[in-house]
């Protein structure tokens, strides 16, 4: 619309903050058996990066942000047995 450029190189998005955390611990049970524990968390503080607003003029949600552009907090545990 109008005479504005389609992609404005001067327009910028907000900063992206997504801290990840990883903890690991190795334990020897015997000379032969060893355990490795691992905990990982992605986006540990659960920071939300909002998506773009709806730009369709006829959409009832025009101008509203209804999406999240990043993933919510995810955590996983791991156990490795070496013998």
PDB file of N, CA and C in Angstrom:
ATOM      1  N   UNK A   1       0.841  -1.181   0.000  1.00  0.00           N
ATOM      2  CA  UNK A   1       0.000   0.000   0.000  1.00  0.00           C
ATOM      3  C   UNK A   1       0.884   1.242   0.000  1.00  0.00           C
ATOM      4  N   UNK A   2       0.472   2.229  -0.716  1.00  0.00           N
ATOM      5  CA  UNK A   2       1.262   3.440  -0.766  1.00  0.00           C
ATOM      6  C   UNK A   2       2.539   3.216  -1.549  1.00  0.00           C
ATOM      7  N   UNK A   3       3.555   4.017  -1.268  1.00  0.00           N
ATOM      8  CA  UNK A   3       4.812   3.887  -1.985  1.00  0.00           C
ATOM      9  C   UNK A   3       5.948   3.448  -1.065  1.00  0.00           C
ATOM     10  N   UNK A   4       5.631   2.852   0.075  1.00  0.00           N
ATOM     11  CA  UNK A   4       6.659   2.357   0.994  1.00  0.00           C
ATOM     12  C   UNK A   4       7.276   1.079   0.445  1.00  0.00           C
ATOM     13  N   UNK A   5       8.525   0.834   0.798  1.00  0.00           N
ATOM     14  CA  UNK A   5       9.172  -0.403   0.352  1.00  0.00           C
ATOM     15  C   UNK A   5       8.539  -1.598   1.056  1.00  0.00           C
ATOM     16  N   UNK A   6       8.603  -2.732   0.410  1.00  0.00           N
ATOM     17  CA  UNK A   6       7.977  -3.928   0.984  1.00  0.00           C
ATOM     18  C   UNK A   6       8.735  -4.401   2.225  1.00  0.00           C
ATOM     19  N   UNK A   7      10.055  -4.420   2.137  1.00  0.00           N
ATOM     20  CA  UNK A   7      10.892  -4.819   3.271  1.00  0.00           C
ATOM     21  C   UNK A   7      11.769  -3.645   3.657  1.00  0.00           C
ATOM     22  N   UNK A   8      11.471  -3.016   4.752  1.00  0.00           N
ATOM     23  CA  UNK A   8      12.210  -1.849   5.202  1.00  0.00           C
ATOM     24  C   UNK A   8      13.451  -2.313   5.959  1.00  0.00           C
ATOM     25  N   UNK A   9      14.646  -2.041   5.454  1.00  0.00           N
ATOM     26  CA  UNK A   9      15.857  -2.497   6.150  1.00  0.00           C
ATOM     27  C   UNK A   9      16.103  -1.766   7.468  1.00  0.00           C
ATOM     28  N   UNK A  10      15.419  -0.644   7.696  1.00  0.00           N
ATOM     29  CA  UNK A  10      15.609   0.102   8.935  1.00  0.00           C
ATOM     30  C   UNK A  10      14.703  -0.397  10.054  1.00  0.00           C
ATOM     31  N   UNK A  11      13.680  -1.156   9.707  1.00  0.00           N
ATOM     32  CA  UNK A  11      12.783  -1.710  10.734  1.00  0.00           C
ATOM     33  C   UNK A  11      13.437  -2.949  11.338  1.00  0.00           C
ATOM     34  N   UNK A  12      13.368  -3.060  12.648  1.00  0.00           N
ATOM     35  CA  UNK A  12      13.999  -4.191  13.329  1.00  0.00           C
ATOM     36  C   UNK A  12      13.026  -4.836  14.295  1.00  0.00           C
ATOM     37  N   UNK A  13      13.261  -6.116  14.536  1.00  0.00           N
ATOM     38  CA  UNK A  13      12.458  -6.835  15.519  1.00  0.00           C
ATOM     39  C   UNK A  13      13.045  -6.637  16.903  1.00  0.00           C
ATOM     40  N   UNK A  14      12.286  -7.009  17.895  1.00  0.00           N
ATOM     41  CA  UNK A  14      12.774  -6.943  19.269  1.00  0.00           C
ATOM     42  C   UNK A  14      13.885  -7.967  19.472  1.00  0.00           C
ATOM     43  N   UNK A  15      14.674  -7.773  20.508  1.00  0.00           N
ATOM     44  CA  UNK A  15      15.752  -8.709  20.827  1.00  0.00           C
ATOM     45  C   UNK A  15      15.185 -10.084  21.158  1.00  0.00           C
ATOM     46  N   UNK A  16      15.988 -11.107  20.902  1.00  0.00           N
ATOM     47  CA  UNK A  16      15.578 -12.480  21.184  1.00  0.00           C
ATOM     48  C   UNK A  16      16.378 -12.966  22.385  1.00  0.00           C
ATOM     49  N   UNK A  17      15.666 -13.293  23.459  1.00  0.00           N
ATOM     50  CA  UNK A  17      16.306 -13.829  24.658  1.00  0.00           C
ATOM     51  C   UNK A  17      15.782 -15.242  24.882  1.00  0.00           C
ATOM     52  N   UNK A  18      16.673 -16.210  24.859  1.00  0.00           N
ATOM     53  CA  UNK A  18      16.295 -17.593  25.123  1.00  0.00           C
ATOM     54  C   UNK A  18      17.514 -18.276  25.746  1.00  0.00           C
ATOM     55  N   UNK A  19      17.565 -18.295  27.055  1.00  0.00           N
ATOM     56  CA  UNK A  19      18.700 -18.892  27.752  1.00  0.00           C
ATOM     57  C   UNK A  19      18.500 -20.402  27.849  1.00  0.00           C
ATOM     58  N   UNK A  20      19.578 -21.129  27.580  1.00  0.00           N
ATOM     59  CA  UNK A  20      19.562 -22.585  27.677  1.00  0.00           C
ATOM     60  C   UNK A  20      20.499 -23.014  28.802  1.00  0.00           C
ATOM     61  N   UNK A  21      20.195 -24.166  29.406  1.00  0.00           N
ATOM     62  CA  UNK A  21      20.974 -24.656  30.537  1.00  0.00           C
ATOM     63  C   UNK A  21      21.218 -26.142  30.351  1.00  0.00           C
ATOM     64  N   UNK A  22      22.426 -26.584  30.683  1.00  0.00           N
ATOM     65  CA  UNK A  22      22.757 -28.000  30.592  1.00  0.00           C
ATOM     66  C   UNK A  22      23.632 -28.367  31.793  1.00  0.00           C
ATOM     67  N   UNK A  23      23.243 -29.420  32.488  1.00  0.00           N
ATOM     68  CA  UNK A  23      24.011 -29.929  33.618  1.00  0.00           C
ATOM     69  C   UNK A  23      24.312 -31.410  33.370  1.00  0.00           C
ATOM     70  N   UNK A  24      25.533 -31.824  33.684  1.00  0.00           N
ATOM     71  CA  UNK A  24      25.910 -33.226  33.480  1.00  0.00           C
ATOM     72  C   UNK A  24      26.728 -33.709  34.667  1.00  0.00           C
ATOM     73  N   UNK A  25      26.575 -34.997  34.965  1.00  0.00           N
ATOM     74  CA  UNK A  25      27.304 -35.600  36.088  1.00  0.00           C
ATOM     75  C   UNK A  25      27.631 -37.041  35.724  1.00  0.00           C
ATOM     76  N   UNK A  26      28.905 -37.430  35.885  1.00  0.00           N
ATOM     77  CA  UNK A  26      29.331 -38.808  35.643  1.00  0.00           C
ATOM     78  C   UNK A  26      29.643 -39.469  36.975  1.00  0.00           C
ATOM     79  N   UNK A  27      29.165 -40.703  37.135  1.00  0.00           N
ATOM     80  CA  UNK A  27      29.345 -41.440  38.385  1.00  0.00           C
ATOM     81  C   UNK A  27      29.874 -42.829  38.047  1.00  0.00           C
ATOM     82  N   UNK A  28      30.924 -43.254  38.755  1.00  0.00           N
ATOM     83  CA  UNK A  28      31.444 -44.613  38.604  1.00  0.00           C
ATOM     84  C   UNK A  28      30.858 -45.482  39.694  1.00  0.00           C
ATOM     85  N   UNK A  29      30.156 -46.538  39.286  1.00  0.00           N
ATOM     86  CA  UNK A  29      29.584 -47.473  40.258  1.00  0.00           C
ATOM     87  C   UNK A  29      30.624 -48.527  40.614  1.00  0.00           C
ATOM     88  N   UNK A  30      31.323 -48.997  39.635  1.00  0.00           N
ATOM     89  CA  UNK A  30      32.405 -49.963  39.853  1.00  0.00           C
ATOM     90  C   UNK A  30      33.449 -49.716  38.773  1.00  0.00           C
ATOM     91  N   UNK A  31      34.429 -50.594  38.730  1.00  0.00           N
ATOM     92  CA  UNK A  31      35.469 -50.472  37.715  1.00  0.00           C
ATOM     93  C   UNK A  31      34.866 -50.588  36.306  1.00  0.00           C
ATOM     94  N   UNK A  32      33.801 -51.365  36.199  1.00  0.00           N
ATOM     95  CA  UNK A  32      33.222 -51.659  34.900  1.00  0.00           C
ATOM     96  C   UNK A  32      31.989 -50.798  34.583  1.00  0.00           C
ATOM     97  N   UNK A  33      31.181 -50.477  35.563  1.00  0.00           N
ATOM     98  CA  UNK A  33      29.916 -49.757  35.352  1.00  0.00           C
ATOM     99  C   UNK A  33      30.066 -48.264  35.620  1.00  0.00           C
ATOM    100  N   UNK A  34      29.570 -47.466  34.701  1.00  0.00           N
ATOM    101  CA  UNK A  34      29.585 -46.006  34.860  1.00  0.00           C
ATOM    102  C   UNK A  34      28.224 -45.452  34.417  1.00  0.00           C
ATOM    103  N   UNK A  35      27.792 -44.410  35.096  1.00  0.00           N
ATOM    104  CA  UNK A  35      26.540 -43.734  34.759  1.00  0.00           C
ATOM    105  C   UNK A  35      26.833 -42.290  34.385  1.00  0.00           C
ATOM    106  N   UNK A  36      26.095 -41.785  33.424  1.00  0.00           N
ATOM    107  CA  UNK A  36      26.195 -40.373  33.044  1.00  0.00           C
ATOM    108  C   UNK A  36      24.777 -39.790  33.051  1.00  0.00           C
ATOM    109  N   UNK A  37      24.542 -38.842  33.965  1.00  0.00           N
ATOM    110  CA  UNK A  37      23.260 -38.151  34.057  1.00  0.00           C
ATOM    111  C   UNK A  37      23.358 -36.826  33.317  1.00  0.00           C
ATOM    112  N   UNK A  38      22.275 -36.423  32.683  1.00  0.00           N
ATOM    113  CA  UNK A  38      22.264 -35.154  31.961  1.00  0.00           C
ATOM    114  C   UNK A  38      20.882 -34.514  32.075  1.00  0.00           C
ATOM    115  N   UNK A  39      20.877 -33.208  32.343  1.00  0.00           N
ATOM    116  CA  UNK A  39      19.649 -32.411  32.387  1.00  0.00           C
ATOM    117  C   UNK A  39      19.835 -31.230  31.452  1.00  0.00           C
ATOM    118  N   UNK A  40      18.856 -31.007  30.576  1.00  0.00           N
ATOM    119  CA  UNK A  40      18.912 -29.882  29.651  1.00  0.00           C
ATOM    120  C   UNK A  40      17.590 -29.125  29.693  1.00  0.00           C
ATOM    121  N   UNK A  41      17.681 -27.824  29.669  1.00  0.00           N
ATOM    122  CA  UNK A  41      16.494 -26.969  29.635  1.00  0.00           C
ATOM    123  C   UNK A  41      16.712 -25.906  28.568  1.00  0.00           C
ATOM    124  N   UNK A  42      15.720 -25.741  27.721  1.00  0.00           N
ATOM    125  CA  UNK A  42      15.773 -24.761  26.645  1.00  0.00           C
ATOM    126  C   UNK A  42      14.756 -23.664  26.945  1.00  0.00           C
ATOM    127  N   UNK A  43      15.172 -22.421  26.759  1.00  0.00           N
ATOM    128  CA  UNK A  43      14.352 -21.252  27.105  1.00  0.00           C
ATOM    129  C   UNK A  43      13.952 -21.343  28.587  1.00  0.00           C
ATOM    130  N   UNK A  44      14.948 -21.475  29.437  1.00  0.00           N
ATOM    131  CA  UNK A  44      14.766 -21.788  30.858  1.00  0.00           C
ATOM    132  C   UNK A  44      13.877 -20.774  31.580  1.00  0.00           C
ATOM    133  N   UNK A  45      13.909 -19.507  31.202  1.00  0.00           N
ATOM    134  CA  UNK A  45      13.087 -18.492  31.867  1.00  0.00           C
ATOM    135  C   UNK A  45      11.735 -18.302  31.174  1.00  0.00           C
ATOM    136  N   UNK A  46      11.473 -19.125  30.169  1.00  0.00           N
ATOM    137  CA  UNK A  46      10.192 -19.135  29.464  1.00  0.00           C
ATOM    138  C   UNK A  46       9.824 -17.758  28.910  1.00  0.00           C
ATOM    139  N   UNK A  47      10.790 -17.121  28.273  1.00  0.00           N
ATOM    140  CA  UNK A  47      10.554 -15.798  27.689  1.00  0.00           C
ATOM    141  C   UNK A  47       9.753 -15.954  26.398  1.00  0.00           C
ATOM    142  N   UNK A  48       8.791 -15.092  26.218  1.00  0.00           N
ATOM    143  CA  UNK A  48       7.905 -15.156  25.052  1.00  0.00           C
ATOM    144  C   UNK A  48       8.371 -14.148  24.013  1.00  0.00           C
ATOM    145  N   UNK A  49       8.506 -14.599  22.785  1.00  0.00           N
ATOM    146  CA  UNK A  49       8.737 -13.702  21.653  1.00  0.00           C
ATOM    147  C   UNK A  49       7.478 -13.763  20.809  1.00  0.00           C
ATOM    148  N   UNK A  50       6.765 -12.678  20.759  1.00  0.00           N
ATOM    149  CA  UNK A  50       5.480 -12.643  20.072  1.00  0.00           C
ATOM    150  C   UNK A  50       5.657 -12.663  18.573  1.00  0.00           C
ATOM    151  N   UNK A  51       4.688 -13.257  17.887  1.00  0.00           N
ATOM    152  CA  UNK A  51       4.692 -13.302  16.433  1.00  0.00           C
ATOM    153  C   UNK A  51       4.240 -11.973  15.848  1.00  0.00           C
ATOM    154  N   UNK A  52       4.086 -11.960  14.557  1.00  0.00           N
ATOM    155  CA  UNK A  52       3.656 -10.747  13.871  1.00  0.00           C
ATOM    156  C   UNK A  52       2.139 -10.590  13.972  1.00  0.00           C
ATOM    157  N   UNK A  53       1.665  -9.367  13.991  1.00  0.00           N
ATOM    158  CA  UNK A  53       0.206  -9.169  14.000  1.00  0.00           C
ATOM    159  C   UNK A  53      -0.393  -9.544  12.650  1.00  0.00           C
ATOM    160  N   UNK A  54      -1.672  -9.820  12.667  1.00  0.00           N
ATOM    161  CA  UNK A  54      -2.386 -10.141  11.432  1.00  0.00           C
ATOM    162  C   UNK A  54      -2.426  -8.896  10.555  1.00  0.00           C
ATOM    163  N   UNK A  55      -2.055  -9.054   9.285  1.00  0.00           N
ATOM    164  CA  UNK A  55      -2.001  -7.888   8.388  1.00  0.00           C
ATOM    165  C   UNK A  55      -3.073  -7.920   7.309  1.00  0.00           C
ATOM    166  N   UNK A  56      -3.994  -8.866   7.403  1.00  0.00           N
ATOM    167  CA  UNK A  56      -5.085  -8.924   6.438  1.00  0.00           C
ATOM    168  C   UNK A  56      -6.202  -7.990   6.904  1.00  0.00           C
ATOM    169  N   UNK A  57      -6.525  -7.010   6.093  1.00  0.00           N
ATOM    170  CA  UNK A  57      -7.471  -5.970   6.488  1.00  0.00           C
ATOM    171  C   UNK A  57      -8.861  -6.541   6.780  1.00  0.00           C
ATOM    172  N   UNK A  58      -9.276  -7.559   6.061  1.00  0.00           N
ATOM    173  CA  UNK A  58     -10.616  -8.117   6.253  1.00  0.00           C
ATOM    174  C   UNK A  58     -10.686  -9.120   7.399  1.00  0.00           C
ATOM    175  N   UNK A  59      -9.554  -9.448   8.004  1.00  0.00           N
ATOM    176  CA  UNK A  59      -9.512 -10.402   9.112  1.00  0.00           C
ATOM    177  C   UNK A  59     -10.067  -9.747  10.380  1.00  0.00           C
ATOM    178  N   UNK A  60     -10.947 -10.432  11.125  1.00  0.00           N
ATOM    179  CA  UNK A  60     -11.459  -9.841  12.375  1.00  0.00           C
ATOM    180  C   UNK A  60     -10.357  -9.628  13.419  1.00  0.00           C
ATOM    181  N   UNK A  61      -9.231 -10.332  13.273  1.00  0.00           N
ATOM    182  CA  UNK A  61      -8.103 -10.170  14.196  1.00  0.00           C
ATOM    183  C   UNK A  61      -7.049  -9.207  13.654  1.00  0.00           C
ATOM    184  N   UNK A  62      -7.424  -8.346  12.717  1.00  0.00           N
ATOM    185  CA  UNK A  62      -6.475  -7.420  12.099  1.00  0.00           C
ATOM    186  C   UNK A  62      -5.754  -6.590  13.165  1.00  0.00           C
ATOM    187  N   UNK A  63      -4.421  -6.590  13.095  1.00  0.00           N
ATOM    188  CA  UNK A  63      -3.611  -5.803  14.019  1.00  0.00           C
ATOM    189  C   UNK A  63      -3.358  -6.473  15.353  1.00  0.00           C
ATOM    190  N   UNK A  64      -3.934  -7.642  15.584  1.00  0.00           N
ATOM    191  CA  UNK A  64      -3.750  -8.339  16.857  1.00  0.00           C
ATOM    192  C   UNK A  64      -2.687  -9.424  16.727  1.00  0.00           C
ATOM    193  N   UNK A  65      -1.933  -9.623  17.790  1.00  0.00           N
ATOM    194  CA  UNK A  65      -0.925 -10.680  17.822  1.00  0.00           C
ATOM    195  C   UNK A  65      -1.545 -11.896  18.500  1.00  0.00           C
ATOM    196  N   UNK A  66      -1.622 -12.991  17.791  1.00  0.00           N
ATOM    197  CA  UNK A  66      -2.244 -14.212  18.306  1.00  0.00           C
ATOM    198  C   UNK A  66      -1.290 -15.404  18.317  1.00  0.00           C
ATOM    199  N   UNK A  67      -0.009 -15.184  17.990  1.00  0.00           N
ATOM    200  CA  UNK A  67       0.938 -16.293  17.896  1.00  0.00           C
ATOM    201  C   UNK A  67       2.193 -16.013  18.700  1.00  0.00           C
ATOM    202  N   UNK A  68       2.902 -17.086  18.991  1.00  0.00           N
ATOM    203  CA  UNK A  68       4.192 -17.000  19.664  1.00  0.00           C
ATOM    204  C   UNK A  68       5.248 -17.455  18.662  1.00  0.00           C
ATOM    205  N   UNK A  69       6.327 -16.670  18.493  1.00  0.00           N
ATOM    206  CA  UNK A  69       7.324 -16.942  17.469  1.00  0.00           C
ATOM    207  C   UNK A  69       8.409 -17.912  17.939  1.00  0.00           C
ATOM    208  N   UNK A  70       8.493 -18.175  19.214  1.00  0.00           N
ATOM    209  CA  UNK A  70       9.497 -19.119  19.707  1.00  0.00           C
ATOM    210  C   UNK A  70       8.807 -20.256  20.457  1.00  0.00           C
ATOM    211  N   UNK A  71       9.582 -21.237  20.853  1.00  0.00           N
ATOM    212  CA  UNK A  71       9.034 -22.376  21.591  1.00  0.00           C
ATOM    213  C   UNK A  71       8.997 -22.080  23.083  1.00  0.00           C
ATOM    214  N   UNK A  72       8.006 -22.597  23.803  1.00  0.00           N
ATOM    215  CA  UNK A  72       7.993 -22.429  25.255  1.00  0.00           C
ATOM    216  C   UNK A  72       9.084 -23.279  25.900  1.00  0.00           C
ATOM    217  N   UNK A  73       9.235 -23.153  27.196  1.00  0.00           N
ATOM    218  CA  UNK A  73      10.264 -23.883  27.932  1.00  0.00           C
ATOM    219  C   UNK A  73      10.145 -25.390  27.670  1.00  0.00           C
ATOM    220  N   UNK A  74      11.297 -26.024  27.419  1.00  0.00           N
ATOM    221  CA  UNK A  74      11.360 -27.474  27.239  1.00  0.00           C
ATOM    222  C   UNK A  74      12.488 -28.003  28.099  1.00  0.00           C
ATOM    223  N   UNK A  75      12.239 -29.133  28.764  1.00  0.00           N
ATOM    224  CA  UNK A  75      13.253 -29.755  29.604  1.00  0.00           C
ATOM    225  C   UNK A  75      13.344 -31.236  29.264  1.00  0.00           C
ATOM    226  N   UNK A  76      14.552 -31.790  29.426  1.00  0.00           N
ATOM    227  CA  UNK A  76      14.725 -33.220  29.190  1.00  0.00           C
ATOM    228  C   UNK A  76      15.809 -33.766  30.100  1.00  0.00           C
ATOM    229  N   UNK A  77      15.642 -35.028  30.446  1.00  0.00           N
ATOM    230  CA  UNK A  77      16.610 -35.748  31.269  1.00  0.00           C
ATOM    231  C   UNK A  77      17.198 -36.878  30.447  1.00  0.00           C
ATOM    232  N   UNK A  78      18.448 -37.213  30.732  1.00  0.00           N
ATOM    233  CA  UNK A  78      19.088 -38.311  30.032  1.00  0.00           C
ATOM    234  C   UNK A  78      19.925 -39.134  30.992  1.00  0.00           C
ATOM    235  N   UNK A  79      19.996 -40.417  30.739  1.00  0.00           N
ATOM    236  CA  UNK A  79      20.806 -41.328  31.532  1.00  0.00           C
ATOM    237  C   UNK A  79      21.516 -42.266  30.572  1.00  0.00           C
ATOM    238  N   UNK A  80      22.836 -42.361  30.720  1.00  0.00           N
ATOM    239  CA  UNK A  80      23.621 -43.264  29.885  1.00  0.00           C
ATOM    240  C   UNK A  80      24.352 -44.232  30.802  1.00  0.00           C
ATOM    241  N   UNK A  81      24.225 -45.525  30.507  1.00  0.00           N
ATOM    242  CA  UNK A  81      24.909 -46.566  31.267  1.00  0.00           C
ATOM    243  C   UNK A  81      26.009 -47.133  30.406  1.00  0.00           C
ATOM    244  N   UNK A  82      27.233 -47.087  30.911  1.00  0.00           N
ATOM    245  CA  UNK A  82      28.392 -47.610  30.173  1.00  0.00           C
ATOM    246  C   UNK A  82      28.919 -48.811  30.946  1.00  0.00           C
ATOM    247  N   UNK A  83      29.042 -49.947  30.253  1.00  0.00           N
ATOM    248  CA  UNK A  83      29.585 -51.162  30.910  1.00  0.00           C
ATOM    249  C   UNK A  83      30.501 -51.898  29.978  1.00  0.00           C
TER     250      UNK A  83
END
